[in-house]
Amino acid sequence: TVQAKSDTATYDGNEHSVSGFETLEFTVGGNLYKVEGLSASASGTDAGEYASIVTGTAVVKDAQGDDVTGKFTVMTEDGKLVIGKRAVTLTSADDSKEYDGTPLTNDEVTVSGDGWADGEGAAYDVTGSQTAVGSSKNAFTYELNAGTKAENYSITKTEGTLTVTDDEVDYTVTVQAKSDTATYDGNEHSV
């Protein structure tokens, strides 16, 4: 049995390939035999599975180079090239501050895991905001750049946390009602 080689790779934007066989030499009854006349190869760039199909007509030769194909049944097994998706984790920032009446925002997004392949990536729109004392998610969306294919990536999105803490300052607010004056004219007046 002649088995085509298989291989695995992680998507990186480059072409990957596999060719050849696990072995073309076999020892039977103490004698060495070689199989010729076959080929197998596969190549691909995008994530997926590519078959390395065995083609050609098998010729078996003994150690002296004589054709002994008639004495053998040659079976073949195809191989494959598997290009795995690139794992990418997108994480918006954690941030915090004391309450000051203005919104807390942080538009930083970090990329971890395998990261983007060279020349590929995404644009981020971070919309997370926290003004009052408390916490909320640092929400964001992303859009893949031109030429970056979603099917080549396994993307995990993680939202950070924005936290506004109490500044421990007590504020005093004085609310004063309006006053007004008028001269009596028989009509109702108000303020």
C-alpha atoms as a PDB file:
ATOM      1  CA  THR A   1       0.000   0.000   0.000  1.00  0.00           C
ATOM      2  CA  VAL A   2       1.440   3.319  -1.086  1.00  0.00           C
ATOM      3  CA  GLN A   3       0.251   6.200   1.091  1.00  0.00           C
ATOM      4  CA  ALA A   4       0.466   9.832   0.016  1.00  0.00           C
ATOM      5  CA  LYS A   5       1.896  12.222   2.589  1.00  0.00           C
ATOM      6  CA  SER A   6      -0.399  14.430   4.671  1.00  0.00           C
ATOM      7  CA  ASP A   7       0.395  17.679   6.454  1.00  0.00           C
ATOM      8  CA  THR A   8      -1.190  20.398   8.555  1.00  0.00           C
ATOM      9  CA  ALA A   9      -0.594  24.138   8.763  1.00  0.00           C
ATOM     10  CA  THR A  10      -2.203  27.233  10.249  1.00  0.00           C
ATOM     11  CA  TYR A  11      -3.499  29.871   7.863  1.00  0.00           C
ATOM     12  CA  ASP A  12      -0.940  32.661   7.403  1.00  0.00           C
ATOM     13  CA  GLY A  13      -1.845  34.110   4.003  1.00  0.00           C
ATOM     14  CA  ASN A  14       0.841  32.047   2.239  1.00  0.00           C
ATOM     15  CA  GLU A  15       0.438  28.967   0.066  1.00  0.00           C
ATOM     16  CA  HIS A  16       1.174  25.644   1.752  1.00  0.00           C
ATOM     17  CA  SER A  17       1.741  22.336   0.003  1.00  0.00           C
ATOM     18  CA  VAL A  18       2.401  18.659   0.546  1.00  0.00           C
ATOM     19  CA  SER A  19       3.713  16.128  -1.961  1.00  0.00           C
ATOM     20  CA  GLY A  20       5.189  12.676  -2.204  1.00  0.00           C
ATOM     21  CA  PHE A  21       4.632   9.475  -0.277  1.00  0.00           C
ATOM     22  CA  GLU A  22       5.328   8.067   3.160  1.00  0.00           C
ATOM     23  CA  THR A  23       7.524   5.464   1.477  1.00  0.00           C
ATOM     24  CA  LEU A  24       8.008   3.921  -1.958  1.00  0.00           C
ATOM     25  CA  GLU A  25      10.311   1.130  -0.739  1.00  0.00           C
ATOM     26  CA  PHE A  26       8.986  -2.108   0.702  1.00  0.00           C
ATOM     27  CA  THR A  27      10.673  -5.226   1.997  1.00  0.00           C
ATOM     28  CA  VAL A  28       8.812  -8.417   1.167  1.00  0.00           C
ATOM     29  CA  GLY A  29      10.277 -11.850   2.005  1.00  0.00           C
ATOM     30  CA  GLY A  30      13.608 -10.215   2.781  1.00  0.00           C
ATOM     31  CA  ASN A  31      13.818  -8.565  -0.652  1.00  0.00           C
ATOM     32  CA  LEU A  32      13.642  -4.825  -1.321  1.00  0.00           C
ATOM     33  CA  TYR A  33      11.172  -3.486  -3.869  1.00  0.00           C
ATOM     34  CA  LYS A  34      10.567   0.054  -5.153  1.00  0.00           C
ATOM     35  CA  VAL A  35       7.343   1.510  -6.495  1.00  0.00           C
ATOM     36  CA  GLU A  36       7.639   4.045  -9.310  1.00  0.00           C
ATOM     37  CA  GLY A  37       5.280   5.892 -11.648  1.00  0.00           C
ATOM     38  CA  LEU A  38       3.030   7.494  -9.020  1.00  0.00           C
ATOM     39  CA  SER A  39       2.665  11.084  -7.881  1.00  0.00           C
ATOM     40  CA  ALA A  40       0.579  12.945  -5.316  1.00  0.00           C
ATOM     41  CA  SER A  41       0.409  16.559  -4.227  1.00  0.00           C
ATOM     42  CA  ALA A  42      -1.913  19.175  -2.783  1.00  0.00           C
ATOM     43  CA  SER A  43      -1.615  22.902  -2.173  1.00  0.00           C
ATOM     44  CA  GLY A  44      -3.780  25.667  -0.823  1.00  0.00           C
ATOM     45  CA  THR A  45      -3.776  29.087   0.815  1.00  0.00           C
ATOM     46  CA  ASP A  46      -7.148  29.505   2.547  1.00  0.00           C
ATOM     47  CA  ALA A  47      -8.182  27.488   5.588  1.00  0.00           C
ATOM     48  CA  GLY A  48      -9.678  24.135   4.593  1.00  0.00           C
ATOM     49  CA  GLU A  49      -8.839  20.582   3.564  1.00  0.00           C
ATOM     50  CA  TYR A  50      -7.126  19.787   0.274  1.00  0.00           C
ATOM     51  CA  ALA A  51      -6.847  16.215  -1.057  1.00  0.00           C
ATOM     52  CA  SER A  52      -3.489  14.876  -2.202  1.00  0.00           C
ATOM     53  CA  ILE A  53      -4.775  12.375  -4.760  1.00  0.00           C
ATOM     54  CA  VAL A  54      -2.506   9.582  -5.976  1.00  0.00           C
ATOM     55  CA  THR A  55      -2.222   9.543  -9.779  1.00  0.00           C
ATOM     56  CA  GLY A  56      -0.210   7.535 -12.296  1.00  0.00           C
ATOM     57  CA  THR A  57       0.406   3.858 -12.957  1.00  0.00           C
ATOM     58  CA  ALA A  58       2.366   1.894 -10.388  1.00  0.00           C
ATOM     59  CA  VAL A  59       5.476   0.039 -11.527  1.00  0.00           C
ATOM     60  CA  VAL A  60       7.235  -2.258  -9.027  1.00  0.00           C
ATOM     61  CA  LYS A  61      10.932  -2.969  -9.472  1.00  0.00           C
ATOM     62  CA  ASP A  62      13.215  -5.281  -7.535  1.00  0.00           C
ATOM     63  CA  ALA A  63      16.680  -4.425  -6.216  1.00  0.00           C
ATOM     64  CA  GLN A  64      18.213  -5.141  -9.639  1.00  0.00           C
ATOM     65  CA  GLY A  65      15.803  -2.764 -11.374  1.00  0.00           C
ATOM     66  CA  ASP A  66      13.723  -5.484 -13.022  1.00  0.00           C
ATOM     67  CA  ASP A  67       9.998  -4.840 -13.508  1.00  0.00           C
ATOM     68  CA  VAL A  68       8.125  -7.255 -11.232  1.00  0.00           C
ATOM     69  CA  THR A  69       4.801  -5.399 -11.220  1.00  0.00           C
ATOM     70  CA  GLY A  70       2.890  -8.551 -12.195  1.00  0.00           C
ATOM     71  CA  LYS A  71       3.720 -10.133  -8.837  1.00  0.00           C
ATOM     72  CA  PHE A  72       2.150  -7.320  -6.795  1.00  0.00           C
ATOM     73  CA  THR A  73      -1.176  -5.673  -6.226  1.00  0.00           C
ATOM     74  CA  VAL A  74      -0.405  -2.029  -5.480  1.00  0.00           C
ATOM     75  CA  MET A  75      -3.051  -0.177  -3.506  1.00  0.00           C
ATOM     76  CA  THR A  76      -2.955   3.560  -2.890  1.00  0.00           C
ATOM     77  CA  GLU A  77      -4.224   5.867  -0.169  1.00  0.00           C
ATOM     78  CA  ASP A  78      -4.707   9.575  -0.789  1.00  0.00           C
ATOM     79  CA  GLY A  79      -3.228  12.097   1.620  1.00  0.00           C
ATOM     80  CA  LYS A  80      -4.467  15.555   2.570  1.00  0.00           C
ATOM     81  CA  LEU A  81      -3.315  19.017   3.446  1.00  0.00           C
ATOM     82  CA  VAL A  82      -5.279  20.621   6.274  1.00  0.00           C
ATOM     83  CA  ILE A  83      -4.908  24.371   6.762  1.00  0.00           C
ATOM     84  CA  GLY A  84      -6.431  25.347  10.092  1.00  0.00           C
ATOM     85  CA  LYS A  85      -8.137  28.618  10.906  1.00  0.00           C
ATOM     86  CA  ARG A  86      -6.095  31.256  12.670  1.00  0.00           C
ATOM     87  CA  ALA A  87      -7.322  31.867  16.244  1.00  0.00           C
ATOM     88  CA  VAL A  88      -7.724  35.567  17.050  1.00  0.00           C
ATOM     89  CA  THR A  89      -9.021  37.109  20.285  1.00  0.00           C
ATOM     90  CA  LEU A  90     -10.113  40.746  20.205  1.00  0.00           C
ATOM     91  CA  THR A  91     -10.345  42.402  23.623  1.00  0.00           C
ATOM     92  CA  SER A  92     -11.492  45.935  24.404  1.00  0.00           C
ATOM     93  CA  ALA A  93      -9.713  47.693  27.263  1.00  0.00           C
ATOM     94  CA  ASP A  94     -10.536  47.637  30.968  1.00  0.00           C
ATOM     95  CA  ASP A  95     -10.396  51.105  32.496  1.00  0.00           C
ATOM     96  CA  SER A  96     -11.486  52.963  35.627  1.00  0.00           C
ATOM     97  CA  LYS A  97     -11.563  56.415  37.193  1.00  0.00           C
ATOM     98  CA  GLU A  98     -13.203  58.355  40.000  1.00  0.00           C
ATOM     99  CA  TYR A  99     -16.484  60.039  39.215  1.00  0.00           C
ATOM    100  CA  ASP A 100     -16.002  63.502  37.729  1.00  0.00           C
ATOM    101  CA  GLY A 101     -19.187  63.949  35.718  1.00  0.00           C
ATOM    102  CA  THR A 102     -17.555  63.176  32.361  1.00  0.00           C
ATOM    103  CA  PRO A 103     -17.819  59.866  30.493  1.00  0.00           C
ATOM    104  CA  LEU A 104     -15.102  57.248  30.836  1.00  0.00           C
ATOM    105  CA  THR A 105     -14.114  55.812  27.434  1.00  0.00           C
ATOM    106  CA  ASN A 106     -11.162  53.793  26.140  1.00  0.00           C
ATOM    107  CA  ASP A 107     -11.004  52.879  22.448  1.00  0.00           C
ATOM    108  CA  GLU A 108      -8.047  50.495  22.696  1.00  0.00           C
ATOM    109  CA  VAL A 109      -8.557  46.961  21.311  1.00  0.00           C
ATOM    110  CA  THR A 110      -5.812  44.362  21.747  1.00  0.00           C
ATOM    111  CA  VAL A 111      -5.303  41.392  19.436  1.00  0.00           C
ATOM    112  CA  SER A 112      -4.028  38.132  20.911  1.00  0.00           C
ATOM    113  CA  GLY A 113      -3.896  34.433  20.065  1.00  0.00           C
ATOM    114  CA  ASP A 114      -2.369  33.725  16.650  1.00  0.00           C
ATOM    115  CA  GLY A 115      -2.989  37.340  15.613  1.00  0.00           C
ATOM    116  CA  TRP A 116      -3.779  38.532  12.120  1.00  0.00           C
ATOM    117  CA  ALA A 117      -1.815  37.236   9.129  1.00  0.00           C
ATOM    118  CA  ASP A 118       0.575  39.795   7.600  1.00  0.00           C
ATOM    119  CA  GLY A 119      -1.301  42.537   5.768  1.00  0.00           C
ATOM    120  CA  GLU A 120      -4.665  41.519   7.225  1.00  0.00           C
ATOM    121  CA  GLY A 121      -6.731  42.836  10.119  1.00  0.00           C
ATOM    122  CA  ALA A 122      -9.844  44.747  11.122  1.00  0.00           C
ATOM    123  CA  ALA A 123     -11.152  48.203  11.993  1.00  0.00           C
ATOM    124  CA  TYR A 124     -12.722  48.690  15.427  1.00  0.00           C
ATOM    125  CA  ASP A 125     -15.570  50.903  16.605  1.00  0.00           C
ATOM    126  CA  VAL A 126     -15.510  51.146  20.411  1.00  0.00           C
ATOM    127  CA  THR A 127     -18.766  52.552  21.801  1.00  0.00           C
ATOM    128  CA  GLY A 128     -18.443  51.680  25.500  1.00  0.00           C
ATOM    129  CA  SER A 129     -19.022  54.610  27.900  1.00  0.00           C
ATOM    130  CA  GLN A 130     -19.625  54.965  31.660  1.00  0.00           C
ATOM    131  CA  THR A 131     -20.409  58.299  33.363  1.00  0.00           C
ATOM    132  CA  ALA A 132     -22.239  57.471  36.612  1.00  0.00           C
ATOM    133  CA  VAL A 133     -20.707  55.484  39.467  1.00  0.00           C
ATOM    134  CA  GLY A 134     -20.853  51.818  38.450  1.00  0.00           C
ATOM    135  CA  SER A 135     -19.572  49.479  35.736  1.00  0.00           C
ATOM    136  CA  SER A 136     -20.488  48.533  32.193  1.00  0.00           C
ATOM    137  CA  LYS A 137     -19.010  46.597  29.290  1.00  0.00           C
ATOM    138  CA  ASN A 138     -16.638  48.430  26.971  1.00  0.00           C
ATOM    139  CA  ALA A 139     -18.759  47.536  23.939  1.00  0.00           C
ATOM    140  CA  PHE A 140     -17.234  47.448  20.469  1.00  0.00           C
ATOM    141  CA  THR A 141     -17.769  46.126  16.962  1.00  0.00           C
ATOM    142  CA  TYR A 142     -15.250  45.250  14.279  1.00  0.00           C
ATOM    143  CA  GLU A 143     -15.195  45.084  10.501  1.00  0.00           C
ATOM    144  CA  LEU A 144     -12.639  42.985   8.635  1.00  0.00           C
ATOM    145  CA  ASN A 145     -10.325  44.856   6.293  1.00  0.00           C
ATOM    146  CA  ALA A 146     -10.520  44.280   2.540  1.00  0.00           C
ATOM    147  CA  GLY A 147      -8.756  41.019   1.702  1.00  0.00           C
ATOM    148  CA  THR A 148      -9.277  39.558   5.185  1.00  0.00           C
ATOM    149  CA  LYS A 149     -11.602  36.547   4.898  1.00  0.00           C
ATOM    150  CA  ALA A 150     -13.700  35.563   7.910  1.00  0.00           C
ATOM    151  CA  GLU A 151     -13.499  31.861   6.959  1.00  0.00           C
ATOM    152  CA  ASN A 152      -9.723  31.903   7.592  1.00  0.00           C
ATOM    153  CA  TYR A 153     -10.167  32.956  11.220  1.00  0.00           C
ATOM    154  CA  SER A 154     -11.763  31.770  14.433  1.00  0.00           C
ATOM    155  CA  ILE A 155     -12.493  35.115  16.108  1.00  0.00           C
ATOM    156  CA  THR A 156     -13.363  35.509  19.790  1.00  0.00           C
ATOM    157  CA  LYS A 157     -14.636  38.896  20.943  1.00  0.00           C
ATOM    158  CA  THR A 158     -14.140  39.878  24.601  1.00  0.00           C
ATOM    159  CA  GLU A 159     -15.440  43.146  26.004  1.00  0.00           C
ATOM    160  CA  GLY A 160     -13.516  44.844  28.807  1.00  0.00           C
ATOM    161  CA  THR A 161     -15.109  46.665  31.756  1.00  0.00           C
ATOM    162  CA  LEU A 162     -15.369  50.407  32.360  1.00  0.00           C
ATOM    163  CA  THR A 163     -15.679  51.279  36.056  1.00  0.00           C
ATOM    164  CA  VAL A 164     -16.449  54.657  37.611  1.00  0.00           C
ATOM    165  CA  THR A 165     -15.853  54.754  41.360  1.00  0.00           C
ATOM    166  CA  ASP A 166     -17.296  57.104  43.987  1.00  0.00           C
ATOM    167  CA  ASP A 167     -14.941  60.019  44.515  1.00  0.00           C
ATOM    168  CA  GLU A 168     -15.990  60.119  48.191  1.00  0.00           C
ATOM    169  CA  VAL A 169     -16.685  63.831  47.996  1.00  0.00           C
ATOM    170  CA  ASP A 170     -20.110  64.999  49.201  1.00  0.00           C
ATOM    171  CA  TYR A 171     -21.559  67.691  47.015  1.00  0.00           C
ATOM    172  CA  THR A 172     -23.947  70.361  48.311  1.00  0.00           C
ATOM    173  CA  VAL A 173     -26.423  71.851  45.865  1.00  0.00           C
ATOM    174  CA  THR A 174     -28.584  74.839  46.792  1.00  0.00           C
ATOM    175  CA  VAL A 175     -31.846  75.199  44.893  1.00  0.00           C
ATOM    176  CA  GLN A 176     -33.302  78.689  45.177  1.00  0.00           C
ATOM    177  CA  ALA A 177     -36.843  79.496  44.079  1.00  0.00           C
ATOM    178  CA  LYS A 178     -37.335  82.590  41.936  1.00  0.00           C
ATOM    179  CA  SER A 179     -38.737  85.784  43.425  1.00  0.00           C
ATOM    180  CA  ASP A 180     -40.568  88.621  41.691  1.00  0.00           C
ATOM    181  CA  THR A 181     -42.367  91.877  42.484  1.00  0.00           C
ATOM    182  CA  ALA A 182     -45.428  93.520  40.998  1.00  0.00           C
ATOM    183  CA  THR A 183     -47.828  96.441  41.722  1.00  0.00           C
ATOM    184  CA  TYR A 184     -51.434  95.622  42.416  1.00  0.00           C
ATOM    185  CA  ASP A 185     -53.552  95.919  39.294  1.00  0.00           C
ATOM    186  CA  GLY A 186     -56.488  93.649  40.067  1.00  0.00           C
ATOM    187  CA  ASN A 187     -54.983  90.765  38.099  1.00  0.00           C
ATOM    188  CA  GLU A 188     -53.426  87.586  39.357  1.00  0.00           C
ATOM    189  CA  HIS A 189     -49.632  87.542  39.318  1.00  0.00           C
ATOM    190  CA  SER A 190     -47.348  84.511  39.570  1.00  0.00           C
ATOM    191  CA  VAL A 191     -43.721  83.519  39.787  1.00  0.00           C
END
